[in-house]
Amino acid sequence: MYDLNSVVVPGSGITDIQVTGSDSCINDSGQIAAYGTYDGEQVALLLTPTPEPGSGALALFGGLGLLLRRRRKNPAI
């Protein structure tokens, strides 16, 4: 479980995030339907997760490393 208030972009003006209901508030893309306060008014929110910057680079270099390793074992490729 996460405190959604701690993972919202700082300075966005969104506070007091609350999710009501069950896990049906999260769709297959990981988006979360919630309520929160924005500039003093309660609003409906759709929170969309973003990958950490290092995740894509790690996947890219990992795949490249596997490809280079395979080429060393079989130079005919």
PDB file of N, CA and C in Angstrom:
ATOM      1  N   MET A   1       0.836  -1.179   0.000  1.00  0.00           N
ATOM      2  CA  MET A   1       0.000   0.000   0.000  1.00  0.00           C
ATOM      3  C   MET A   1       0.881   1.242   0.000  1.00  0.00           C
ATOM      4  N   TYR A   2       0.383   2.279  -0.623  1.00  0.00           N
ATOM      5  CA  TYR A   2       1.105   3.541  -0.700  1.00  0.00           C
ATOM      6  C   TYR A   2       0.222   4.669  -0.167  1.00  0.00           C
ATOM      7  N   ASP A   3       0.850   5.656   0.427  1.00  0.00           N
ATOM      8  CA  ASP A   3       0.160   6.886   0.754  1.00  0.00           C
ATOM      9  C   ASP A   3       0.225   7.741  -0.506  1.00  0.00           C
ATOM     10  N   LEU A   4      -0.886   7.861  -1.212  1.00  0.00           N
ATOM     11  CA  LEU A   4      -0.885   8.569  -2.484  1.00  0.00           C
ATOM     12  C   LEU A   4      -0.501  10.032  -2.338  1.00  0.00           C
ATOM     13  N   ASN A   5      -0.719  10.594  -1.164  1.00  0.00           N
ATOM     14  CA  ASN A   5      -0.317  11.983  -0.934  1.00  0.00           C
ATOM     15  C   ASN A   5       1.197  12.148  -1.021  1.00  0.00           C
ATOM     16  N   SER A   6       1.935  11.074  -0.780  1.00  0.00           N
ATOM     17  CA  SER A   6       3.398  11.169  -0.804  1.00  0.00           C
ATOM     18  C   SER A   6       3.986  10.966  -2.199  1.00  0.00           C
ATOM     19  N   VAL A   7       3.182  10.514  -3.164  1.00  0.00           N
ATOM     20  CA  VAL A   7       3.730  10.244  -4.498  1.00  0.00           C
ATOM     21  C   VAL A   7       3.210  11.203  -5.573  1.00  0.00           C
ATOM     22  N   VAL A   8       2.371  12.162  -5.182  1.00  0.00           N
ATOM     23  CA  VAL A   8       1.893  13.173  -6.137  1.00  0.00           C
ATOM     24  C   VAL A   8       3.019  14.169  -6.390  1.00  0.00           C
ATOM     25  N   VAL A   9       3.071  14.674  -7.609  1.00  0.00           N
ATOM     26  CA  VAL A   9       4.111  15.631  -7.990  1.00  0.00           C
ATOM     27  C   VAL A   9       4.073  16.831  -7.046  1.00  0.00           C
ATOM     28  N   PRO A  10       5.198  17.147  -6.408  1.00  0.00           N
ATOM     29  CA  PRO A  10       5.232  18.319  -5.520  1.00  0.00           C
ATOM     30  C   PRO A  10       4.892  19.600  -6.287  1.00  0.00           C
ATOM     31  N   GLY A  11       4.143  20.459  -5.640  1.00  0.00           N
ATOM     32  CA  GLY A  11       3.772  21.718  -6.270  1.00  0.00           C
ATOM     33  C   GLY A  11       2.561  21.624  -7.188  1.00  0.00           C
ATOM     34  N   SER A  12       1.938  20.443  -7.275  1.00  0.00           N
ATOM     35  CA  SER A  12       0.784  20.283  -8.161  1.00  0.00           C
ATOM     36  C   SER A  12      -0.473  20.921  -7.589  1.00  0.00           C
ATOM     37  N   GLY A  13      -0.478  21.189  -6.279  1.00  0.00           N
ATOM     38  CA  GLY A  13      -1.649  21.773  -5.647  1.00  0.00           C
ATOM     39  C   GLY A  13      -2.667  20.754  -5.187  1.00  0.00           C
ATOM     40  N   ILE A  14      -2.383  19.476  -5.420  1.00  0.00           N
ATOM     41  CA  ILE A  14      -3.300  18.405  -5.039  1.00  0.00           C
ATOM     42  C   ILE A  14      -2.921  17.896  -3.652  1.00  0.00           C
ATOM     43  N   THR A  15      -3.907  17.846  -2.757  1.00  0.00           N
ATOM     44  CA  THR A  15      -3.688  17.353  -1.397  1.00  0.00           C
ATOM     45  C   THR A  15      -4.858  16.479  -0.978  1.00  0.00           C
ATOM     46  N   ASP A  16      -4.724  15.856   0.163  1.00  0.00           N
ATOM     47  CA  ASP A  16      -5.784  15.059   0.784  1.00  0.00           C
ATOM     48  C   ASP A  16      -6.408  14.039  -0.167  1.00  0.00           C
ATOM     49  N   ILE A  17      -5.589  13.259  -0.842  1.00  0.00           N
ATOM     50  CA  ILE A  17      -6.094  12.265  -1.783  1.00  0.00           C
ATOM     51  C   ILE A  17      -6.729  11.112  -1.017  1.00  0.00           C
ATOM     52  N   GLN A  18      -7.914  10.705  -1.484  1.00  0.00           N
ATOM     53  CA  GLN A  18      -8.634   9.602  -0.868  1.00  0.00           C
ATOM     54  C   GLN A  18      -9.185   8.701  -1.958  1.00  0.00           C
ATOM     55  N   VAL A  19      -9.083   7.410  -1.738  1.00  0.00           N
ATOM     56  CA  VAL A  19      -9.668   6.430  -2.640  1.00  0.00           C
ATOM     57  C   VAL A  19     -10.778   5.745  -1.870  1.00  0.00           C
ATOM     58  N   THR A  20     -11.970   5.748  -2.423  1.00  0.00           N
ATOM     59  CA  THR A  20     -13.084   5.071  -1.770  1.00  0.00           C
ATOM     60  C   THR A  20     -13.469   3.864  -2.602  1.00  0.00           C
ATOM     61  N   GLY A  21     -13.891   2.817  -1.956  1.00  0.00           N
ATOM     62  CA  GLY A  21     -14.281   1.608  -2.665  1.00  0.00           C
ATOM     63  C   GLY A  21     -13.197   0.552  -2.583  1.00  0.00           C
ATOM     64  N   SER A  22     -13.290  -0.415  -3.466  1.00  0.00           N
ATOM     65  CA  SER A  22     -12.354  -1.539  -3.457  1.00  0.00           C
ATOM     66  C   SER A  22     -11.293  -1.365  -4.533  1.00  0.00           C
ATOM     67  N   ASP A  23     -10.643  -2.470  -4.880  1.00  0.00           N
ATOM     68  CA  ASP A  23      -9.581  -2.390  -5.888  1.00  0.00           C
ATOM     69  C   ASP A  23     -10.136  -2.134  -7.285  1.00  0.00           C
ATOM     70  N   SER A  24     -11.459  -2.006  -7.430  1.00  0.00           N
ATOM     71  CA  SER A  24     -12.037  -1.671  -8.729  1.00  0.00           C
ATOM     72  C   SER A  24     -11.714  -0.225  -9.122  1.00  0.00           C
ATOM     73  N   CYS A  25     -11.107   0.532  -8.206  1.00  0.00           N
ATOM     74  CA  CYS A  25     -10.709   1.909  -8.497  1.00  0.00           C
ATOM     75  C   CYS A  25      -9.421   1.968  -9.303  1.00  0.00           C
ATOM     76  N   ILE A  26      -8.797   0.804  -9.557  1.00  0.00           N
ATOM     77  CA  ILE A  26      -7.541   0.746 -10.309  1.00  0.00           C
ATOM     78  C   ILE A  26      -7.794  -0.038 -11.593  1.00  0.00           C
ATOM     79  N   ASN A  27      -7.480   0.550 -12.753  1.00  0.00           N
ATOM     80  CA  ASN A  27      -7.699  -0.156 -14.015  1.00  0.00           C
ATOM     81  C   ASN A  27      -6.458  -0.949 -14.430  1.00  0.00           C
ATOM     82  N   ASP A  28      -6.522  -1.595 -15.587  1.00  0.00           N
ATOM     83  CA  ASP A  28      -5.420  -2.445 -16.056  1.00  0.00           C
ATOM     84  C   ASP A  28      -4.145  -1.672 -16.366  1.00  0.00           C
ATOM     85  N   SER A  29      -4.253  -0.365 -16.580  1.00  0.00           N
ATOM     86  CA  SER A  29      -3.076   0.467 -16.841  1.00  0.00           C
ATOM     87  C   SER A  29      -2.447   0.994 -15.565  1.00  0.00           C
ATOM     88  N   GLY A  30      -3.059   0.672 -14.410  1.00  0.00           N
ATOM     89  CA  GLY A  30      -2.535   1.143 -13.140  1.00  0.00           C
ATOM     90  C   GLY A  30      -3.051   2.516 -12.739  1.00  0.00           C
ATOM     91  N   GLN A  31      -3.974   3.074 -13.534  1.00  0.00           N
ATOM     92  CA  GLN A  31      -4.544   4.372 -13.199  1.00  0.00           C
ATOM     93  C   GLN A  31      -5.490   4.216 -12.008  1.00  0.00           C
ATOM     94  N   ILE A  32      -5.522   5.215 -11.150  1.00  0.00           N
ATOM     95  CA  ILE A  32      -6.314   5.156  -9.927  1.00  0.00           C
ATOM     96  C   ILE A  32      -7.342   6.280  -9.942  1.00  0.00           C
ATOM     97  N   ALA A  33      -8.622   5.915  -9.755  1.00  0.00           N
ATOM     98  CA  ALA A  33      -9.687   6.905  -9.613  1.00  0.00           C
ATOM     99  C   ALA A  33      -9.746   7.286  -8.144  1.00  0.00           C
ATOM    100  N   ALA A  34      -9.702   8.578  -7.862  1.00  0.00           N
ATOM    101  CA  ALA A  34      -9.654   9.042  -6.473  1.00  0.00           C
ATOM    102  C   ALA A  34     -10.309  10.414  -6.366  1.00  0.00           C
ATOM    103  N   TYR A  35     -10.385  10.894  -5.140  1.00  0.00           N
ATOM    104  CA  TYR A  35     -10.834  12.251  -4.845  1.00  0.00           C
ATOM    105  C   TYR A  35      -9.701  12.960  -4.115  1.00  0.00           C
ATOM    106  N   GLY A  36      -9.650  14.255  -4.271  1.00  0.00           N
ATOM    107  CA  GLY A  36      -8.642  15.028  -3.566  1.00  0.00           C
ATOM    108  C   GLY A  36      -9.042  16.479  -3.500  1.00  0.00           C
ATOM    109  N   THR A  37      -8.195  17.272  -2.904  1.00  0.00           N
ATOM    110  CA  THR A  37      -8.439  18.704  -2.794  1.00  0.00           C
ATOM    111  C   THR A  37      -7.462  19.430  -3.706  1.00  0.00           C
ATOM    112  N   TYR A  38      -8.000  20.315  -4.535  1.00  0.00           N
ATOM    113  CA  TYR A  38      -7.183  21.122  -5.433  1.00  0.00           C
ATOM    114  C   TYR A  38      -7.604  22.575  -5.249  1.00  0.00           C
ATOM    115  N   ASP A  39      -6.694  23.385  -4.804  1.00  0.00           N
ATOM    116  CA  ASP A  39      -6.970  24.801  -4.528  1.00  0.00           C
ATOM    117  C   ASP A  39      -8.192  24.978  -3.627  1.00  0.00           C
ATOM    118  N   GLY A  40      -8.313  24.135  -2.617  1.00  0.00           N
ATOM    119  CA  GLY A  40      -9.379  24.257  -1.634  1.00  0.00           C
ATOM    120  C   GLY A  40     -10.710  23.640  -2.020  1.00  0.00           C
ATOM    121  N   GLU A  41     -10.817  23.061  -3.215  1.00  0.00           N
ATOM    122  CA  GLU A  41     -12.064  22.446  -3.661  1.00  0.00           C
ATOM    123  C   GLU A  41     -11.864  20.944  -3.844  1.00  0.00           C
ATOM    124  N   GLN A  42     -12.892  20.160  -3.485  1.00  0.00           N
ATOM    125  CA  GLN A  42     -12.804  18.716  -3.686  1.00  0.00           C
ATOM    126  C   GLN A  42     -13.068  18.409  -5.158  1.00  0.00           C
ATOM    127  N   VAL A  43     -12.194  17.606  -5.746  1.00  0.00           N
ATOM    128  CA  VAL A  43     -12.281  17.273  -7.167  1.00  0.00           C
ATOM    129  C   VAL A  43     -12.074  15.776  -7.356  1.00  0.00           C
ATOM    130  N   ALA A  44     -12.569  15.257  -8.474  1.00  0.00           N
ATOM    131  CA  ALA A  44     -12.301  13.876  -8.868  1.00  0.00           C
ATOM    132  C   ALA A  44     -10.952  13.844  -9.573  1.00  0.00           C
ATOM    133  N   LEU A  45     -10.181  12.802  -9.339  1.00  0.00           N
ATOM    134  CA  LEU A  45      -8.840  12.695  -9.913  1.00  0.00           C
ATOM    135  C   LEU A  45      -8.668  11.371 -10.647  1.00  0.00           C
ATOM    136  N   LEU A  46      -7.867  11.377 -11.675  1.00  0.00           N
ATOM    137  CA  LEU A  46      -7.409  10.156 -12.318  1.00  0.00           C
ATOM    138  C   LEU A  46      -5.892  10.193 -12.225  1.00  0.00           C
ATOM    139  N   LEU A  47      -5.345   9.401 -11.322  1.00  0.00           N
ATOM    140  CA  LEU A  47      -3.896   9.385 -11.091  1.00  0.00           C
ATOM    141  C   LEU A  47      -3.265   8.358 -12.021  1.00  0.00           C
ATOM    142  N   THR A  48      -2.304   8.786 -12.808  1.00  0.00           N
ATOM    143  CA  THR A  48      -1.643   7.914 -13.775  1.00  0.00           C
ATOM    144  C   THR A  48      -0.196   7.707 -13.368  1.00  0.00           C
ATOM    145  N   PRO A  49       0.196   6.445 -13.143  1.00  0.00           N
ATOM    146  CA  PRO A  49       1.590   6.205 -12.741  1.00  0.00           C
ATOM    147  C   PRO A  49       2.553   6.476 -13.886  1.00  0.00           C
ATOM    148  N   THR A  50       3.722   6.972 -13.551  1.00  0.00           N
ATOM    149  CA  THR A  50       4.773   7.181 -14.538  1.00  0.00           C
ATOM    150  C   THR A  50       5.985   6.358 -14.108  1.00  0.00           C
ATOM    151  N   PRO A  51       6.656   5.717 -15.065  1.00  0.00           N
ATOM    152  CA  PRO A  51       7.815   4.908 -14.696  1.00  0.00           C
ATOM    153  C   PRO A  51       8.958   5.772 -14.186  1.00  0.00           C
ATOM    154  N   GLU A  52       9.765   5.179 -13.345  1.00  0.00           N
ATOM    155  CA  GLU A  52      10.954   5.886 -12.879  1.00  0.00           C
ATOM    156  C   GLU A  52      11.894   6.076 -14.052  1.00  0.00           C
ATOM    157  N   PRO A  53      12.601   7.194 -14.111  1.00  0.00           N
ATOM    158  CA  PRO A  53      13.472   7.451 -15.259  1.00  0.00           C
ATOM    159  C   PRO A  53      14.495   6.353 -15.512  1.00  0.00           C
ATOM    160  N   GLY A  54      14.980   5.727 -14.464  1.00  0.00           N
ATOM    161  CA  GLY A  54      16.000   4.708 -14.638  1.00  0.00           C
ATOM    162  C   GLY A  54      15.472   3.387 -15.150  1.00  0.00           C
ATOM    163  N   SER A  55      14.173   3.148 -15.068  1.00  0.00           N
ATOM    164  CA  SER A  55      13.600   1.859 -15.464  1.00  0.00           C
ATOM    165  C   SER A  55      13.791   1.582 -16.948  1.00  0.00           C
ATOM    166  N   GLY A  56      13.503   2.575 -17.789  1.00  0.00           N
ATOM    167  CA  GLY A  56      13.657   2.389 -19.229  1.00  0.00           C
ATOM    168  C   GLY A  56      15.102   2.172 -19.614  1.00  0.00           C
ATOM    169  N   ALA A  57      16.003   2.926 -19.021  1.00  0.00           N
ATOM    170  CA  ALA A  57      17.424   2.776 -19.325  1.00  0.00           C
ATOM    171  C   ALA A  57      17.929   1.411 -18.889  1.00  0.00           C
ATOM    172  N   LEU A  58      17.483   0.949 -17.724  1.00  0.00           N
ATOM    173  CA  LEU A  58      17.893  -0.357 -17.237  1.00  0.00           C
ATOM    174  C   LEU A  58      17.436  -1.461 -18.189  1.00  0.00           C
ATOM    175  N   ALA A  59      16.191  -1.381 -18.663  1.00  0.00           N
ATOM    176  CA  ALA A  59      15.672  -2.381 -19.597  1.00  0.00           C
ATOM    177  C   ALA A  59      16.441  -2.343 -20.916  1.00  0.00           C
ATOM    178  N   LEU A  60      16.733  -1.146 -21.411  1.00  0.00           N
ATOM    179  CA  LEU A  60      17.463  -1.005 -22.669  1.00  0.00           C
ATOM    180  C   LEU A  60      18.863  -1.605 -22.573  1.00  0.00           C
ATOM    181  N   PHE A  61      19.614  -1.230 -21.519  1.00  0.00           N
ATOM    182  CA  PHE A  61      20.971  -1.737 -21.384  1.00  0.00           C
ATOM    183  C   PHE A  61      20.992  -3.227 -21.057  1.00  0.00           C
ATOM    184  N   GLY A  62      19.988  -3.716 -20.332  1.00  0.00           N
ATOM    185  CA  GLY A  62      19.904  -5.149 -20.050  1.00  0.00           C
ATOM    186  C   GLY A  62      19.693  -5.941 -21.331  1.00  0.00           C
ATOM    187  N   GLY A  63      18.792  -5.452 -22.190  1.00  0.00           N
ATOM    188  CA  GLY A  63      18.546  -6.121 -23.471  1.00  0.00           C
ATOM    189  C   GLY A  63      19.760  -6.069 -24.373  1.00  0.00           C
ATOM    190  N   LEU A  64      20.442  -4.939 -24.386  1.00  0.00           N
ATOM    191  CA  LEU A  64      21.653  -4.796 -25.193  1.00  0.00           C
ATOM    192  C   LEU A  64      22.738  -5.755 -24.703  1.00  0.00           C
ATOM    193  N   GLY A  65      22.862  -5.877 -23.385  1.00  0.00           N
ATOM    194  CA  GLY A  65      23.851  -6.798 -22.814  1.00  0.00           C
ATOM    195  C   GLY A  65      23.567  -8.242 -23.189  1.00  0.00           C
ATOM    196  N   LEU A  66      22.286  -8.626 -23.162  1.00  0.00           N
ATOM    197  CA  LEU A  66      21.927  -9.993 -23.550  1.00  0.00           C
ATOM    198  C   LEU A  66      22.222 -10.245 -25.023  1.00  0.00           C
ATOM    199  N   LEU A  67      21.964  -9.253 -25.865  1.00  0.00           N
ATOM    200  CA  LEU A  67      22.236  -9.388 -27.293  1.00  0.00           C
ATOM    201  C   LEU A  67      23.734  -9.547 -27.540  1.00  0.00           C
ATOM    202  N   LEU A  68      24.550  -8.734 -26.890  1.00  0.00           N
ATOM    203  CA  LEU A  68      26.000  -8.828 -27.069  1.00  0.00           C
ATOM    204  C   LEU A  68      26.536 -10.153 -26.545  1.00  0.00           C
ATOM    205  N   ARG A  69      25.993 -10.618 -25.451  1.00  0.00           N
ATOM    206  CA  ARG A  69      26.429 -11.910 -24.905  1.00  0.00           C
ATOM    207  C   ARG A  69      26.116 -13.042 -25.874  1.00  0.00           C
ATOM    208  N   ARG A  70      24.933 -12.981 -26.487  1.00  0.00           N
ATOM    209  CA  ARG A  70      24.538 -14.017 -27.451  1.00  0.00           C
ATOM    210  C   ARG A  70      25.442 -13.998 -28.674  1.00  0.00           C
ATOM    211  N   ARG A  71      25.803 -12.792 -29.132  1.00  0.00           N
ATOM    212  CA  ARG A  71      26.662 -12.679 -30.319  1.00  0.00           C
ATOM    213  C   ARG A  71      28.058 -13.243 -30.065  1.00  0.00           C
ATOM    214  N   ARG A  72      28.565 -13.112 -28.828  1.00  0.00           N
ATOM    215  CA  ARG A  72      29.875 -13.664 -28.515  1.00  0.00           C
ATOM    216  C   ARG A  72      29.871 -15.176 -28.539  1.00  0.00           C
ATOM    217  N   LYS A  73      28.779 -15.782 -28.091  1.00  0.00           N
ATOM    218  CA  LYS A  73      28.691 -17.247 -28.058  1.00  0.00           C
ATOM    219  C   LYS A  73      28.516 -17.819 -29.467  1.00  0.00           C
ATOM    220  N   ASN A  74      27.842 -17.077 -30.351  1.00  0.00           N
ATOM    221  CA  ASN A  74      27.575 -17.566 -31.696  1.00  0.00           C
ATOM    222  C   ASN A  74      27.921 -16.473 -32.701  1.00  0.00           C
ATOM    223  N   PRO A  75      29.180 -16.370 -33.138  1.00  0.00           N
ATOM    224  CA  PRO A  75      29.604 -15.274 -34.007  1.00  0.00           C
ATOM    225  C   PRO A  75      28.926 -15.255 -35.364  1.00  0.00           C
ATOM    226  N   ALA A  76      28.234 -16.342 -35.758  1.00  0.00           N
ATOM    227  CA  ALA A  76      27.582 -16.379 -37.062  1.00  0.00           C
ATOM    228  C   ALA A  76      26.304 -15.524 -37.103  1.00  0.00           C
ATOM    229  N   ILE A  77      25.840 -15.056 -35.981  1.00  0.00           N
ATOM    230  CA  ILE A  77      24.591 -14.273 -35.960  1.00  0.00           C
ATOM    231  C   ILE A  77      24.849 -12.863 -36.421  1.00  0.00           C
TER     232      ILE A  77
END
